[in-house]
Amino acid sequence: MPSHQINHAASSTGSGAKSMMDERWTKASYSQGGADNCVECRSETGQVLIRDTQYRHLGHLTVPTTEWRAFLHAVRGGELG
């Protein structure tokens, strides 16, 4: 059984995109300027939430912190191609 899950956000009304991006979400460092072609992540107790900047309203992927760290280690070490 996978240790990740996908959470679909409910549609927001009236508050606009500002409510979808707050201080708890961090945009990827590879994002250039105001571009919306990147991912954002947010750390919570024992897990990391990941979402697409262009499609915030569709929800997020949740993975355990240990798996997120292993993924980042693999990316930084060039293990993924």
N, C-alpha and C. Protein backbone atom coordinates (compact mmCIF):
# COMPACT_ATOMS: atom_id res chain seq x y z
N MET A 1 0.84 -1.18 0.00
CA MET A 1 0.00 0.00 0.00
C MET A 1 0.88 1.25 0.00
N PRO A 2 0.64 2.21 -0.90
CA PRO A 2 1.47 3.42 -0.97
C PRO A 2 1.33 4.24 0.31
N SER A 3 2.42 4.90 0.67
CA SER A 3 2.38 5.71 1.88
C SER A 3 2.08 7.17 1.58
N HIS A 4 1.62 7.46 0.39
CA HIS A 4 1.23 8.83 0.05
C HIS A 4 -0.27 8.87 -0.22
N GLN A 5 -0.81 10.06 -0.20
CA GLN A 5 -2.22 10.21 -0.51
C GLN A 5 -2.44 11.53 -1.22
N ILE A 6 -3.52 11.61 -1.96
CA ILE A 6 -3.88 12.83 -2.66
C ILE A 6 -5.11 13.41 -2.00
N ASN A 7 -5.03 14.68 -1.68
CA ASN A 7 -6.14 15.38 -1.04
C ASN A 7 -6.65 16.44 -1.99
N HIS A 8 -7.92 16.39 -2.29
CA HIS A 8 -8.52 17.37 -3.18
C HIS A 8 -9.13 18.49 -2.36
N ALA A 9 -8.71 19.70 -2.68
CA ALA A 9 -9.21 20.86 -1.95
C ALA A 9 -10.60 21.22 -2.43
N ALA A 10 -11.38 21.75 -1.53
CA ALA A 10 -12.70 22.26 -1.90
C ALA A 10 -12.51 23.58 -2.63
N SER A 11 -13.42 23.88 -3.52
CA SER A 11 -13.34 25.15 -4.24
C SER A 11 -13.48 26.30 -3.26
N SER A 12 -12.64 27.29 -3.43
CA SER A 12 -12.75 28.46 -2.57
C SER A 12 -13.58 29.51 -3.29
N THR A 13 -14.33 30.25 -2.52
CA THR A 13 -15.15 31.31 -3.10
C THR A 13 -14.89 32.61 -2.38
N GLY A 14 -14.77 33.66 -3.16
CA GLY A 14 -14.67 34.98 -2.59
C GLY A 14 -13.28 35.39 -2.12
N SER A 15 -12.46 34.49 -1.61
CA SER A 15 -11.19 34.89 -1.03
C SER A 15 -10.06 34.92 -2.05
N GLY A 16 -10.22 34.30 -3.20
CA GLY A 16 -9.24 34.37 -4.27
C GLY A 16 -7.98 33.58 -4.00
N ALA A 17 -6.99 33.77 -4.87
CA ALA A 17 -5.76 32.99 -4.81
C ALA A 17 -4.94 33.29 -3.57
N LYS A 18 -5.07 34.47 -3.01
CA LYS A 18 -4.29 34.83 -1.83
C LYS A 18 -4.49 33.82 -0.71
N SER A 19 -5.70 33.34 -0.51
CA SER A 19 -5.96 32.38 0.56
C SER A 19 -5.31 31.03 0.28
N MET A 20 -5.05 30.72 -1.00
CA MET A 20 -4.45 29.45 -1.36
C MET A 20 -2.93 29.47 -1.16
N MET A 21 -2.31 30.63 -1.16
CA MET A 21 -0.86 30.74 -0.98
C MET A 21 -0.62 31.59 0.25
N ASP A 22 -0.21 30.96 1.33
CA ASP A 22 0.07 31.71 2.53
C ASP A 22 1.48 31.38 3.01
N GLU A 23 1.84 31.85 4.18
CA GLU A 23 3.21 31.68 4.67
C GLU A 23 3.59 30.23 4.93
N ARG A 24 2.65 29.34 5.00
CA ARG A 24 2.96 27.93 5.25
C ARG A 24 3.42 27.20 3.99
N TRP A 25 3.09 27.71 2.82
CA TRP A 25 3.50 27.08 1.55
C TRP A 25 4.77 27.76 1.05
N THR A 26 5.72 26.97 0.55
CA THR A 26 6.97 27.48 0.02
C THR A 26 7.07 27.10 -1.45
N LYS A 27 7.33 28.09 -2.29
CA LYS A 27 7.48 27.84 -3.73
C LYS A 27 8.87 27.29 -4.01
N ALA A 28 8.97 26.38 -4.95
CA ALA A 28 10.25 25.77 -5.31
C ALA A 28 11.28 26.82 -5.67
N SER A 29 12.52 26.57 -5.29
CA SER A 29 13.60 27.52 -5.56
C SER A 29 13.90 27.66 -7.04
N TYR A 30 13.48 26.70 -7.86
CA TYR A 30 13.71 26.77 -9.30
C TYR A 30 12.68 27.64 -10.02
N SER A 31 11.68 28.10 -9.30
CA SER A 31 10.68 28.98 -9.89
C SER A 31 11.35 30.31 -10.23
N GLN A 32 11.08 30.82 -11.41
CA GLN A 32 11.69 32.06 -11.85
C GLN A 32 10.67 33.19 -11.79
N GLY A 33 10.98 34.19 -10.99
CA GLY A 33 10.10 35.35 -10.87
C GLY A 33 8.72 34.97 -10.42
N GLY A 34 7.71 35.48 -11.10
CA GLY A 34 6.33 35.22 -10.73
C GLY A 34 5.72 34.04 -11.47
N ALA A 35 6.56 33.23 -12.09
CA ALA A 35 6.06 32.10 -12.88
C ALA A 35 5.26 31.13 -12.03
N ASP A 36 4.23 30.56 -12.63
CA ASP A 36 3.39 29.60 -11.94
C ASP A 36 3.63 28.18 -12.45
N ASN A 37 4.83 27.90 -12.92
CA ASN A 37 5.12 26.58 -13.45
C ASN A 37 6.06 25.82 -12.52
N CYS A 38 5.65 25.69 -11.29
CA CYS A 38 6.48 25.01 -10.31
C CYS A 38 5.60 24.33 -9.26
N VAL A 39 6.24 23.78 -8.27
CA VAL A 39 5.52 23.16 -7.17
C VAL A 39 5.74 23.95 -5.89
N GLU A 40 4.85 23.75 -4.96
CA GLU A 40 4.96 24.35 -3.64
C GLU A 40 4.89 23.22 -2.62
N CYS A 41 5.50 23.42 -1.48
CA CYS A 41 5.42 22.41 -0.44
C CYS A 41 5.18 23.08 0.91
N ARG A 42 4.68 22.28 1.82
CA ARG A 42 4.38 22.75 3.16
C ARG A 42 4.65 21.60 4.12
N SER A 43 5.36 21.89 5.18
CA SER A 43 5.69 20.87 6.17
C SER A 43 4.68 20.89 7.30
N GLU A 44 4.24 19.71 7.66
CA GLU A 44 3.36 19.54 8.81
C GLU A 44 3.95 18.41 9.64
N THR A 45 3.46 18.18 10.80
CA THR A 45 3.99 17.15 11.68
C THR A 45 4.05 15.79 10.99
N GLY A 46 5.27 15.32 10.71
CA GLY A 46 5.48 14.00 10.15
C GLY A 46 5.15 13.84 8.68
N GLN A 47 4.80 14.93 8.01
CA GLN A 47 4.44 14.82 6.60
C GLN A 47 4.73 16.11 5.84
N VAL A 48 4.80 15.98 4.53
CA VAL A 48 5.01 17.13 3.65
C VAL A 48 3.88 17.13 2.63
N LEU A 49 3.29 18.29 2.41
CA LEU A 49 2.23 18.47 1.43
C LEU A 49 2.84 19.11 0.20
N ILE A 50 2.50 18.62 -0.99
CA ILE A 50 3.08 19.10 -2.24
C ILE A 50 1.94 19.39 -3.21
N ARG A 51 2.00 20.53 -3.89
CA ARG A 51 0.96 20.87 -4.86
C ARG A 51 1.55 21.61 -6.04
N ASP A 52 0.82 21.62 -7.13
CA ASP A 52 1.19 22.31 -8.36
C ASP A 52 0.72 23.76 -8.24
N THR A 53 1.62 24.69 -8.51
CA THR A 53 1.28 26.11 -8.38
C THR A 53 0.12 26.51 -9.29
N GLN A 54 0.08 25.96 -10.50
CA GLN A 54 -0.98 26.33 -11.45
C GLN A 54 -2.33 25.75 -11.06
N TYR A 55 -2.33 24.66 -10.32
CA TYR A 55 -3.58 23.96 -10.02
C TYR A 55 -3.77 23.77 -8.52
N ARG A 56 -3.52 24.81 -7.76
CA ARG A 56 -3.67 24.74 -6.30
C ARG A 56 -5.04 24.25 -5.89
N HIS A 57 -6.03 24.64 -6.63
CA HIS A 57 -7.42 24.31 -6.30
C HIS A 57 -7.71 22.81 -6.41
N LEU A 58 -6.82 22.03 -7.03
CA LEU A 58 -7.05 20.59 -7.19
C LEU A 58 -6.56 19.78 -6.00
N GLY A 59 -5.92 20.42 -5.05
CA GLY A 59 -5.48 19.71 -3.86
C GLY A 59 -3.98 19.50 -3.82
N HIS A 60 -3.57 18.55 -3.00
CA HIS A 60 -2.15 18.31 -2.79
C HIS A 60 -1.87 16.82 -2.57
N LEU A 61 -0.61 16.49 -2.70
CA LEU A 61 -0.12 15.15 -2.44
C LEU A 61 0.53 15.19 -1.06
N THR A 62 0.25 14.19 -0.23
CA THR A 62 0.83 14.12 1.11
C THR A 62 1.77 12.92 1.18
N VAL A 63 3.01 13.17 1.62
CA VAL A 63 3.98 12.10 1.78
C VAL A 63 4.63 12.22 3.16
N PRO A 64 5.06 11.09 3.72
CA PRO A 64 5.78 11.15 5.00
C PRO A 64 7.07 11.95 4.85
N THR A 65 7.45 12.66 5.89
CA THR A 65 8.66 13.48 5.88
C THR A 65 9.89 12.66 5.51
N THR A 66 9.98 11.45 6.00
CA THR A 66 11.15 10.61 5.70
C THR A 66 11.26 10.31 4.21
N GLU A 67 10.13 10.06 3.55
CA GLU A 67 10.15 9.81 2.11
C GLU A 67 10.50 11.07 1.33
N TRP A 68 10.01 12.21 1.77
CA TRP A 68 10.33 13.48 1.12
C TRP A 68 11.83 13.75 1.20
N ARG A 69 12.41 13.53 2.37
CA ARG A 69 13.86 13.74 2.53
C ARG A 69 14.65 12.79 1.65
N ALA A 70 14.23 11.54 1.55
CA ALA A 70 14.91 10.56 0.70
C ALA A 70 14.81 10.99 -0.77
N PHE A 71 13.65 11.50 -1.18
CA PHE A 71 13.47 11.98 -2.55
C PHE A 71 14.41 13.15 -2.83
N LEU A 72 14.45 14.13 -1.94
CA LEU A 72 15.34 15.28 -2.13
C LEU A 72 16.80 14.85 -2.18
N HIS A 73 17.19 13.91 -1.35
CA HIS A 73 18.56 13.39 -1.34
C HIS A 73 18.88 12.75 -2.70
N ALA A 74 17.95 11.98 -3.23
CA ALA A 74 18.15 11.32 -4.53
C ALA A 74 18.26 12.35 -5.66
N VAL A 75 17.41 13.39 -5.62
CA VAL A 75 17.46 14.44 -6.65
C VAL A 75 18.79 15.18 -6.59
N ARG A 76 19.16 15.59 -5.40
CA ARG A 76 20.42 16.35 -5.24
C ARG A 76 21.65 15.51 -5.57
N GLY A 77 21.55 14.21 -5.37
CA GLY A 77 22.68 13.31 -5.66
C GLY A 77 22.71 12.81 -7.08
N GLY A 78 21.75 13.27 -7.90
CA GLY A 78 21.71 12.87 -9.31
C GLY A 78 21.30 11.42 -9.54
N GLU A 79 20.63 10.83 -8.56
CA GLU A 79 20.25 9.42 -8.66
C GLU A 79 19.02 9.16 -9.55
N LEU A 80 18.33 10.22 -9.92
CA LEU A 80 17.09 10.05 -10.69
C LEU A 80 17.25 10.37 -12.17
N GLY A 81 18.44 10.49 -12.62
CA GLY A 81 18.64 10.70 -14.04
C GLY A 81 19.15 12.02 -14.34
